[in-house]
Amino acid sequence: MNGQYIERIEIEALWNGRKHIRWDLQPGVNILSGVNGVGKSTILNRVIMHLLDINKEGRKNDGVHLTFFPKDAKSVDFNVIRSFDRPILSSDLMNKLTDTQMQTELDVHIYHLQRKWLDYQVNLSNRMVELFTSQDPEAPEKVRELANKKSHFQDIVDDLFRETGKTIKRDQNELYFDNYGETISCYKLSSGEKQMLIILLTVLVQDNKPFVLFMDEPEVSLHVEWQERLLDLMVDLNPNVQIILTTHSPAVIMNGWSDRVTDVEDIVV
């Protein structure tokens, strides 16, 4: 049985056994702060590796203990977004890629999300067809609501990218952009645009299902206005996402998220 979210993180023997971390989480947004070197990314990475291990092999004695909701859950649906747009160095991975436009890790992330975006649209279409053929008197309104989910996401992206003249081409199944009359792929976006697109797409394609999203300093490459809007946009696209992130940026919490911030030193017991 999958959990809906993580209620508590406990890590033992962190940093050569000198610290024990206990962090009680909220179902929604959870922000971990602290000075450089205090261990924010280490905590996140230990939890992510633990989740990968238990999803593959069952619980392991690695010093990480998680409490899920509901209590009898054995695992949780989760995703990870990292911030740095590093070049692809693996020759094996390069040989497997069919699109030569992909040059960086963010490009690979976008490639996989494109597949999920297509699946998301197919699922929406199937649900709309079911509603059209049903006897539900509220079917027309429900169909409009489903269609609006996709267009709402597109409107958000168009608004974010407006200053650089990019808008989503809505006659395409895959994500392409019109840029002052030229059609460009997602791989031609800037690092910041790719980062924002990846975050919003990851949240959207979960289709309002509960899941956990880990992000390590997601503000990297995002300008300040986008940092301020980031959490609001994510929760808007999927109110059921549990966000666990690290950040250095005050802008990320400016829109009313300061009460969701936990300092690393406050969870050392």
Protein backbone atom coordinates (compact mmCIF):
# COMPACT_ATOMS: atom_id res chain seq x y z
CA MET A 1 0.00 0.00 0.00
CA ASN A 2 1.37 3.42 -0.92
CA GLY A 3 1.38 6.27 1.55
CA GLN A 4 -0.23 9.61 0.78
CA TYR A 5 2.59 11.59 2.35
CA ILE A 6 5.49 11.41 4.80
CA GLU A 7 4.66 12.44 8.36
CA ARG A 8 8.09 12.20 9.96
CA ILE A 9 11.71 11.85 8.94
CA GLU A 10 14.27 10.52 11.40
CA ILE A 11 17.94 10.04 10.52
CA GLU A 12 20.50 8.50 12.83
CA ALA A 13 24.28 8.53 12.62
CA LEU A 14 24.31 11.59 10.37
CA TRP A 15 27.73 13.16 9.92
CA ASN A 16 29.76 10.38 11.57
CA GLY A 17 27.18 9.75 14.26
CA ARG A 18 27.30 13.21 15.81
CA LYS A 19 23.68 14.13 15.07
CA HIS A 20 20.21 12.66 15.08
CA ILE A 21 17.58 14.39 12.94
CA ARG A 22 13.87 14.33 13.69
CA TRP A 23 11.64 16.36 11.39
CA ASP A 24 7.85 16.33 11.66
CA LEU A 25 6.37 17.19 8.28
CA GLN A 26 3.16 18.81 7.11
CA PRO A 27 1.10 17.27 4.29
CA GLY A 28 1.71 20.35 2.13
CA VAL A 29 4.81 22.54 1.93
CA ASN A 30 7.95 21.84 3.99
CA ILE A 31 11.03 24.05 3.62
CA LEU A 32 14.44 23.22 5.11
CA SER A 33 16.85 26.11 5.62
CA GLY A 34 20.29 26.60 7.11
CA VAL A 35 23.76 27.90 6.35
CA ASN A 36 26.00 26.25 3.77
CA GLY A 37 27.45 22.96 4.96
CA VAL A 38 24.93 22.36 7.73
CA GLY A 39 23.50 19.34 5.91
CA LYS A 40 20.31 20.32 4.08
CA SER A 41 21.14 18.45 0.89
CA THR A 42 22.57 15.53 2.87
CA ILE A 43 19.28 15.08 4.71
CA LEU A 44 17.29 15.22 1.47
CA ASN A 45 19.61 12.80 -0.30
CA ARG A 46 19.55 10.28 2.57
CA VAL A 47 15.74 10.24 2.52
CA ILE A 48 15.59 9.92 -1.28
CA MET A 49 18.04 7.00 -1.30
CA HIS A 50 16.06 5.32 1.48
CA LEU A 51 12.83 5.63 -0.51
CA LEU A 52 14.50 4.22 -3.62
CA ASP A 53 15.78 1.27 -1.60
CA ILE A 54 12.50 0.40 0.12
CA ASN A 55 10.53 0.70 -3.13
CA LYS A 56 12.93 -1.83 -4.68
CA GLU A 57 13.87 -4.17 -1.84
CA GLY A 58 11.82 -3.40 1.29
CA ARG A 59 12.89 -1.54 4.39
CA LYS A 60 16.62 -1.37 5.05
CA ASN A 61 18.64 -0.64 8.17
CA ASP A 62 20.37 2.48 6.86
CA GLY A 63 19.71 4.81 9.78
CA VAL A 64 16.74 6.48 8.07
CA HIS A 65 13.24 6.02 9.51
CA LEU A 66 10.11 7.38 7.85
CA THR A 67 6.56 7.51 9.15
CA PHE A 68 3.92 7.52 6.42
CA PHE A 69 0.28 8.46 6.33
CA PRO A 70 -1.69 6.21 6.42
CA LYS A 71 0.12 4.35 9.18
CA ASP A 72 0.14 0.96 7.46
CA ALA A 73 1.72 2.31 4.27
CA LYS A 74 4.94 0.65 3.10
CA SER A 75 6.05 3.20 0.53
CA VAL A 76 5.09 6.52 -1.00
CA ASP A 77 4.87 7.87 -4.55
CA PHE A 78 7.60 10.46 -4.97
CA ASN A 79 9.61 12.46 -7.47
CA VAL A 80 12.91 14.34 -7.32
CA ILE A 81 13.88 17.57 -9.06
CA ARG A 82 17.45 18.84 -8.91
CA SER A 83 18.51 22.29 -9.97
CA PHE A 84 21.80 22.17 -11.78
CA ASP A 85 21.79 21.90 -15.56
CA ARG A 86 24.90 19.77 -15.99
CA PRO A 87 26.02 18.50 -19.41
CA ILE A 88 25.43 14.83 -20.26
CA LEU A 89 28.79 13.12 -19.83
CA SER A 90 27.78 9.45 -20.01
CA SER A 91 28.56 8.07 -23.47
CA ASP A 92 26.15 5.16 -22.87
CA LEU A 93 23.31 7.59 -22.14
CA MET A 94 24.18 9.72 -25.18
CA ASN A 95 24.04 6.65 -27.41
CA LYS A 96 20.56 5.79 -26.11
CA LEU A 97 19.09 9.23 -26.77
CA THR A 98 17.17 9.50 -30.01
CA ASP A 99 16.95 13.31 -29.99
CA THR A 100 20.29 14.98 -30.68
CA GLN A 101 18.98 18.25 -29.22
CA MET A 102 19.37 16.83 -25.72
CA GLN A 103 22.65 17.99 -24.26
CA THR A 104 22.06 18.37 -20.52
CA GLU A 105 20.46 16.56 -17.58
CA LEU A 106 17.51 18.96 -17.65
CA ASP A 107 16.97 18.02 -21.29
CA VAL A 108 16.76 14.33 -20.33
CA HIS A 109 14.28 15.21 -17.57
CA ILE A 110 12.15 17.13 -20.08
CA TYR A 111 12.32 14.21 -22.53
CA HIS A 112 10.80 11.83 -19.97
CA LEU A 113 8.21 14.42 -18.92
CA GLN A 114 7.11 14.82 -22.54
CA ARG A 115 6.04 11.16 -22.47
CA LYS A 116 4.10 11.74 -19.27
CA TRP A 117 2.53 14.88 -20.76
CA LEU A 118 1.25 12.83 -23.69
CA ASP A 119 -0.15 10.20 -21.31
CA TYR A 120 -1.79 12.92 -19.25
CA GLN A 121 -3.56 14.32 -22.32
CA VAL A 122 -4.74 10.87 -23.40
CA ASN A 123 -6.14 10.22 -19.94
CA LEU A 124 -7.95 13.56 -19.96
CA SER A 125 -9.43 12.82 -23.38
CA ASN A 126 -10.60 9.36 -22.30
CA ARG A 127 -12.30 10.76 -19.21
CA MET A 128 -14.02 13.44 -21.28
CA VAL A 129 -15.30 10.83 -23.74
CA GLU A 130 -16.65 8.77 -20.84
CA LEU A 131 -18.47 11.82 -19.51
CA PHE A 132 -19.92 12.70 -22.93
CA THR A 133 -21.37 9.19 -23.27
CA SER A 134 -22.65 9.01 -19.70
CA GLN A 135 -26.10 9.91 -18.42
CA ASP A 136 -24.64 12.33 -15.87
CA PRO A 137 -26.58 15.64 -16.10
CA GLU A 138 -23.45 17.44 -14.87
CA ALA A 139 -21.28 15.92 -17.61
CA PRO A 140 -20.86 19.15 -19.66
CA GLU A 141 -19.61 21.06 -16.64
CA LYS A 142 -17.24 18.26 -15.64
CA VAL A 143 -15.86 18.12 -19.18
CA ARG A 144 -15.17 21.85 -19.08
CA GLU A 145 -13.37 21.45 -15.76
CA LEU A 146 -11.13 18.75 -17.20
CA ALA A 147 -10.34 20.80 -20.31
CA ASN A 148 -9.60 23.84 -18.14
CA LYS A 149 -6.90 21.94 -16.21
CA LYS A 150 -4.77 21.61 -19.32
CA SER A 151 -5.42 25.14 -20.57
CA HIS A 152 -4.76 26.57 -17.09
CA PHE A 153 -1.29 25.02 -17.10
CA GLN A 154 -0.65 26.40 -20.59
CA ASP A 155 -1.82 29.86 -19.52
CA ILE A 156 0.56 29.79 -16.53
CA VAL A 157 3.54 28.87 -18.70
CA ASP A 158 2.65 31.50 -21.31
CA ASP A 159 2.46 34.13 -18.59
CA LEU A 160 5.82 33.11 -17.10
CA PHE A 161 7.57 33.12 -20.48
CA ARG A 162 5.88 36.25 -21.80
CA GLU A 163 8.94 38.49 -21.38
CA THR A 164 10.99 36.29 -23.72
CA GLY A 165 8.20 36.08 -26.30
CA LYS A 166 7.49 32.38 -25.90
CA THR A 167 4.02 30.81 -25.93
CA ILE A 168 2.99 27.16 -26.01
CA LYS A 169 1.81 25.96 -29.43
CA ARG A 170 -1.59 24.57 -28.53
CA ASP A 171 -2.06 22.69 -31.80
CA GLN A 172 0.78 20.30 -30.88
CA ASN A 173 0.51 17.21 -28.69
CA GLU A 174 4.11 17.51 -27.52
CA LEU A 175 5.31 20.73 -25.97
CA TYR A 176 6.60 23.18 -28.57
CA PHE A 177 6.80 26.95 -28.31
CA ASP A 178 6.20 29.83 -30.65
CA ASN A 179 9.03 32.34 -30.25
CA TYR A 180 8.32 35.44 -32.32
CA GLY A 181 7.02 33.32 -35.19
CA GLU A 182 9.63 30.56 -34.93
CA THR A 183 8.69 27.12 -33.59
CA ILE A 184 11.21 25.88 -31.02
CA SER A 185 11.42 22.75 -28.87
CA CYS A 186 11.66 22.63 -25.07
CA TYR A 187 15.38 21.93 -25.42
CA LYS A 188 15.90 25.44 -26.81
CA LEU A 189 14.62 27.08 -23.63
CA SER A 190 16.96 28.74 -21.16
CA SER A 191 18.04 26.81 -18.05
CA GLY A 192 15.62 28.79 -15.91
CA GLU A 193 12.73 28.18 -18.30
CA LYS A 194 13.53 24.46 -18.44
CA GLN A 195 13.69 24.32 -14.65
CA MET A 196 10.31 26.02 -14.23
CA LEU A 197 8.71 23.89 -16.93
CA ILE A 198 10.01 20.69 -15.31
CA ILE A 199 8.67 21.66 -11.89
CA LEU A 200 5.21 22.62 -13.13
CA LEU A 201 4.89 19.63 -15.48
CA THR A 202 5.96 17.21 -12.76
CA VAL A 203 3.20 18.52 -10.51
CA LEU A 204 0.57 18.68 -13.25
CA VAL A 205 0.93 15.19 -14.72
CA GLN A 206 0.22 13.62 -11.31
CA ASP A 207 -3.35 14.67 -12.09
CA ASN A 208 -4.21 15.81 -8.54
CA LYS A 209 -3.04 12.52 -7.02
CA PRO A 210 -1.12 12.68 -3.70
CA PHE A 211 2.63 12.37 -4.09
CA VAL A 212 5.84 13.73 -2.56
CA LEU A 213 8.15 16.05 -4.48
CA PHE A 214 11.72 16.58 -3.25
CA MET A 215 13.54 19.67 -4.53
CA ASP A 216 17.08 20.74 -3.65
CA GLU A 217 17.42 24.51 -4.04
CA PRO A 218 14.82 24.79 -6.83
CA GLU A 219 15.37 28.55 -7.06
CA VAL A 220 18.71 28.08 -8.85
CA SER A 221 18.34 29.55 -12.38
CA LEU A 222 14.97 31.16 -11.52
CA HIS A 223 14.74 34.93 -11.36
CA VAL A 224 13.25 36.49 -8.23
CA GLU A 225 9.68 36.93 -9.51
CA TRP A 226 9.48 33.25 -10.42
CA GLN A 227 10.94 32.27 -7.04
CA GLU A 228 8.18 34.23 -5.31
CA ARG A 229 5.45 32.52 -7.37
CA LEU A 230 6.91 29.02 -7.36
CA LEU A 231 5.13 27.41 -4.40
CA ASP A 232 1.78 29.10 -5.14
CA LEU A 233 1.84 27.80 -8.72
CA MET A 234 2.72 24.26 -7.65
CA VAL A 235 -0.05 24.04 -5.06
CA ASP A 236 -2.47 25.59 -7.56
CA LEU A 237 -1.75 22.85 -10.13
CA ASN A 238 -1.94 20.04 -7.57
CA PRO A 239 -3.24 20.81 -4.05
CA ASN A 240 -2.35 17.24 -3.01
CA VAL A 241 1.40 17.48 -3.56
CA GLN A 242 3.63 17.30 -0.49
CA ILE A 243 6.67 19.49 -1.16
CA ILE A 244 9.94 18.91 0.70
CA LEU A 245 12.61 21.36 -0.38
CA THR A 246 15.83 23.06 0.64
CA THR A 247 16.47 26.69 -0.17
CA HIS A 248 18.79 29.63 0.41
CA SER A 249 16.42 32.17 -1.12
CA PRO A 250 14.16 34.43 0.97
CA ALA A 251 12.08 35.03 -2.18
CA VAL A 252 10.78 31.44 -2.18
CA ILE A 253 8.94 32.01 1.11
CA MET A 254 7.85 35.63 0.59
CA ASN A 255 4.26 34.85 -0.46
CA GLY A 256 3.11 33.62 2.95
CA TRP A 257 5.23 30.47 3.31
CA SER A 258 7.49 31.58 6.16
CA ASP A 259 5.55 29.44 8.68
CA ARG A 260 6.56 26.32 6.69
CA VAL A 261 10.30 26.91 7.19
CA THR A 262 12.36 24.66 9.46
CA ASP A 263 16.01 25.34 10.30
CA VAL A 264 18.28 22.30 10.35
CA GLU A 265 19.45 23.18 13.85
CA ASP A 266 15.85 23.06 15.09
CA ILE A 267 15.45 19.38 14.15
CA VAL A 268 18.71 18.11 15.67
CA VAL A 269 17.91 16.10 18.80
